[in-house]
Every structure is written in C-alpha cells, then in structure tokens.
Amino acid sequence: MAKAAFIGLGVMGYPMAGHMVAKGHRVKVWNRSGEKAVKWREQHGGTATSTPREAAEGVEFAMMCVGNDDDVRSVVYGDDGVLAGMSEGSILVDHTTASAELARELAQACT
C-alpha cells in the first residue's frame, strides 16, 4: 500500500486520514495543534509528525485539507513546508476549498 502524508486534521481531514489507514495505507500526519495529531495517532495507529516537511518525507502522496489559500501557503512553502520534504515524483493533493489562482500557483511550484 501507499505511504502518504496528511496535513490538516480538521472536520474533514481527521476522518479522511483515518480512512486511509483503515484501507491499509501507511499515513503520517501533521496538524497545527500537535495534540490533535497525537490523538489521531492514538486512534488510528499512524505517525504524528512535528512539521509538514517531516510528514512529507518519504511519501508517495502528500494531502492537505486546511482552511484557505493562506493556510495552504503556510504549510507548503519554507524550510519546514511540505515541498521541502517531498521527493521528486511524489504527488501533492490539495483538498482545501481554495482559489483557482492557488491551484495554478501550486502546479507551478511542483514542476
């Protein structure tokens, strides 16, 4: 099964990441409030990480479900961002209700 990261364990992200584990995928998670990531790990048996970068290291898929465009940018870019941890050929999936402009920006950043 796939190795995946899930960034953002809110109302949608928490169960989505849990369903991935239930289907046999190995999932690492990161959440802005670390306590929620620890709770998720205790419930689902995945791995809670301390940064988005750490979550994205060594995975085939990195998925995000955060609040808005600014939240996406805050977890994707920078030394501790998702892109810093992803390997060439891995896939970034954004489940956030975000703008088309951001989708184009992320596509450019990933190429």
C-alpha atoms as a PDB file:
ATOM      1  CA  MET A   1       0.000   0.000   0.000  1.00  0.00           C
ATOM      2  CA  ALA A   2       0.949   3.641  -0.383  1.00  0.00           C
ATOM      3  CA  LYS A   3       2.916   5.810   2.011  1.00  0.00           C
ATOM      4  CA  ALA A   4       1.074   9.092   2.451  1.00  0.00           C
ATOM      5  CA  ALA A   5       1.114  12.312   4.438  1.00  0.00           C
ATOM      6  CA  PHE A   6      -1.994  14.141   5.551  1.00  0.00           C
ATOM      7  CA  ILE A   7      -1.711  17.794   6.564  1.00  0.00           C
ATOM      8  CA  GLY A   8      -4.669  19.237   8.469  1.00  0.00           C
ATOM      9  CA  LEU A   9      -6.816  17.160  10.789  1.00  0.00           C
ATOM     10  CA  GLY A  10      -9.957  19.239  10.968  1.00  0.00           C
ATOM     11  CA  VAL A  11     -13.559  18.182  10.458  1.00  0.00           C
ATOM     12  CA  MET A  12     -12.759  16.687   7.040  1.00  0.00           C
ATOM     13  CA  GLY A  13      -9.067  15.817   7.308  1.00  0.00           C
ATOM     14  CA  TYR A  14      -9.252  13.782  10.516  1.00  0.00           C
ATOM     15  CA  PRO A  15     -11.628  11.129   9.147  1.00  0.00           C
ATOM     16  CA  MET A  16     -10.107  11.203   5.649  1.00  0.00           C
ATOM     17  CA  ALA A  17      -6.675  10.331   7.044  1.00  0.00           C
ATOM     18  CA  GLY A  18      -8.267   7.657   9.240  1.00  0.00           C
ATOM     19  CA  HIS A  19      -9.967   6.039   6.256  1.00  0.00           C
ATOM     20  CA  MET A  20      -6.609   5.802   4.512  1.00  0.00           C
ATOM     21  CA  VAL A  21      -5.142   3.859   7.431  1.00  0.00           C
ATOM     22  CA  ALA A  22      -8.233   1.636   7.545  1.00  0.00           C
ATOM     23  CA  LYS A  23      -7.576   0.734   3.890  1.00  0.00           C
ATOM     24  CA  GLY A  24      -4.014  -0.313   4.691  1.00  0.00           C
ATOM     25  CA  HIS A  25      -2.028   2.781   3.745  1.00  0.00           C
ATOM     26  CA  ARG A  26       0.845   3.996   5.918  1.00  0.00           C
ATOM     27  CA  VAL A  27      -0.017   7.546   6.925  1.00  0.00           C
ATOM     28  CA  LYS A  28       1.977  10.305   8.601  1.00  0.00           C
ATOM     29  CA  VAL A  29       0.029  13.338   9.814  1.00  0.00           C
ATOM     30  CA  TRP A  30       0.681  16.906  10.850  1.00  0.00           C
ATOM     31  CA  ASN A  31      -1.738  19.358  12.395  1.00  0.00           C
ATOM     32  CA  ARG A  32      -1.217  22.925  13.556  1.00  0.00           C
ATOM     33  CA  SER A  33      -2.272  21.854  17.055  1.00  0.00           C
ATOM     34  CA  GLY A  34       0.021  18.946  17.826  1.00  0.00           C
ATOM     35  CA  GLU A  35      -2.361  17.477  20.405  1.00  0.00           C
ATOM     36  CA  LYS A  36      -4.848  16.655  17.671  1.00  0.00           C
ATOM     37  CA  ALA A  37      -2.166  14.801  15.690  1.00  0.00           C
ATOM     38  CA  VAL A  38      -1.267  12.775  18.790  1.00  0.00           C
ATOM     39  CA  LYS A  39      -4.942  11.963  19.386  1.00  0.00           C
ATOM     40  CA  TRP A  40      -5.274  10.853  15.749  1.00  0.00           C
ATOM     41  CA  ARG A  41      -2.179   8.654  16.072  1.00  0.00           C
ATOM     42  CA  GLU A  42      -3.559   7.025  19.213  1.00  0.00           C
ATOM     43  CA  GLN A  43      -6.869   6.335  17.477  1.00  0.00           C
ATOM     44  CA  HIS A  44      -5.571   5.206  14.080  1.00  0.00           C
ATOM     45  CA  GLY A  45      -2.012   3.998  14.643  1.00  0.00           C
ATOM     46  CA  GLY A  46      -0.300   6.199  12.067  1.00  0.00           C
ATOM     47  CA  THR A  47       2.582   8.569  12.735  1.00  0.00           C
ATOM     48  CA  ALA A  48       2.240  12.106  14.120  1.00  0.00           C
ATOM     49  CA  THR A  49       4.989  14.481  12.962  1.00  0.00           C
ATOM     50  CA  SER A  50       6.255  17.823  14.212  1.00  0.00           C
ATOM     51  CA  THR A  51       6.396  19.642  10.845  1.00  0.00           C
ATOM     52  CA  PRO A  52       4.712  19.401   7.434  1.00  0.00           C
ATOM     53  CA  ARG A  53       8.155  18.681   5.973  1.00  0.00           C
ATOM     54  CA  GLU A  54       8.641  15.687   8.256  1.00  0.00           C
ATOM     55  CA  ALA A  55       5.220  14.362   7.274  1.00  0.00           C
ATOM     56  CA  ALA A  56       6.055  14.667   3.560  1.00  0.00           C
ATOM     57  CA  GLU A  57       9.452  12.966   3.726  1.00  0.00           C
ATOM     58  CA  GLY A  58       9.486   9.585   2.006  1.00  0.00           C
ATOM     59  CA  VAL A  59       5.827   9.525   0.987  1.00  0.00           C
ATOM     60  CA  GLU A  60       4.265   8.939  -2.414  1.00  0.00           C
ATOM     61  CA  PHE A  61       1.322  11.264  -1.761  1.00  0.00           C
ATOM     62  CA  ALA A  62       1.027  14.375   0.410  1.00  0.00           C
ATOM     63  CA  MET A  63      -2.542  15.517   1.004  1.00  0.00           C
ATOM     64  CA  MET A  64      -3.753  18.727   2.594  1.00  0.00           C
ATOM     65  CA  CYS A  65      -7.080  19.790   3.978  1.00  0.00           C
ATOM     66  CA  VAL A  66      -6.618  23.176   5.637  1.00  0.00           C
ATOM     67  CA  GLY A  67      -8.671  26.355   5.873  1.00  0.00           C
ATOM     68  CA  ASN A  68      -7.853  28.673   2.967  1.00  0.00           C
ATOM     69  CA  ASP A  69      -5.224  29.874   0.485  1.00  0.00           C
ATOM     70  CA  ASP A  70      -3.045  31.468   3.166  1.00  0.00           C
ATOM     71  CA  ASP A  71      -3.151  28.310   5.281  1.00  0.00           C
ATOM     72  CA  VAL A  72      -2.100  26.228   2.272  1.00  0.00           C
ATOM     73  CA  ARG A  73       0.833  28.528   1.583  1.00  0.00           C
ATOM     74  CA  SER A  74       1.899  28.394   5.234  1.00  0.00           C
ATOM     75  CA  VAL A  75       2.185  24.586   5.190  1.00  0.00           C
ATOM     76  CA  VAL A  76       3.548  24.146   1.647  1.00  0.00           C
ATOM     77  CA  TYR A  77       6.417  26.644   1.441  1.00  0.00           C
ATOM     78  CA  GLY A  78       9.510  27.297   3.555  1.00  0.00           C
ATOM     79  CA  ASP A  79      12.155  25.122   5.164  1.00  0.00           C
ATOM     80  CA  ASP A  80       9.566  23.148   7.151  1.00  0.00           C
ATOM     81  CA  GLY A  81       6.945  23.077   4.385  1.00  0.00           C
ATOM     82  CA  VAL A  82       5.552  20.101   2.529  1.00  0.00           C
ATOM     83  CA  LEU A  83       7.508  20.834  -0.656  1.00  0.00           C
ATOM     84  CA  ALA A  84      10.800  20.807   1.256  1.00  0.00           C
ATOM     85  CA  GLY A  85      10.106  17.234   2.336  1.00  0.00           C
ATOM     86  CA  MET A  86       8.641  15.759  -0.841  1.00  0.00           C
ATOM     87  CA  SER A  87      10.724  13.638  -3.196  1.00  0.00           C
ATOM     88  CA  GLU A  88      10.729  14.001  -6.955  1.00  0.00           C
ATOM     89  CA  GLY A  89       7.790  12.091  -8.407  1.00  0.00           C
ATOM     90  CA  SER A  90       5.615  12.291  -5.307  1.00  0.00           C
ATOM     91  CA  ILE A  91       2.162  13.826  -5.671  1.00  0.00           C
ATOM     92  CA  LEU A  92       0.666  16.806  -3.826  1.00  0.00           C
ATOM     93  CA  VAL A  93      -3.133  16.777  -3.422  1.00  0.00           C
ATOM     94  CA  ASP A  94      -4.959  19.806  -2.004  1.00  0.00           C
ATOM     95  CA  HIS A  95      -8.441  19.112  -0.625  1.00  0.00           C
ATOM     96  CA  THR A  96      -8.785  22.679   0.667  1.00  0.00           C
ATOM     97  CA  THR A  97     -11.581  24.878  -0.654  1.00  0.00           C
ATOM     98  CA  ALA A  98      -9.058  27.184  -2.275  1.00  0.00           C
ATOM     99  CA  SER A  99      -8.855  29.544  -5.233  1.00  0.00           C
ATOM    100  CA  ALA A 100      -8.089  28.595  -8.817  1.00  0.00           C
ATOM    101  CA  GLU A 101      -5.176  31.024  -8.589  1.00  0.00           C
ATOM    102  CA  LEU A 102      -3.665  28.962  -5.781  1.00  0.00           C
ATOM    103  CA  ALA A 103      -4.149  25.739  -7.743  1.00  0.00           C
ATOM    104  CA  ARG A 104      -2.150  27.230 -10.628  1.00  0.00           C
ATOM    105  CA  GLU A 105       0.494  28.509  -8.209  1.00  0.00           C
ATOM    106  CA  LEU A 106       0.903  25.060  -6.640  1.00  0.00           C
ATOM    107  CA  ALA A 107       1.078  23.401 -10.057  1.00  0.00           C
ATOM    108  CA  GLN A 108       3.923  25.745 -10.988  1.00  0.00           C
ATOM    109  CA  ALA A 109       5.719  25.164  -7.670  1.00  0.00           C
ATOM    110  CA  CYS A 110       5.533  21.396  -8.137  1.00  0.00           C
ATOM    111  CA  THR A 111       7.101  21.347 -11.606  1.00  0.00           C
END
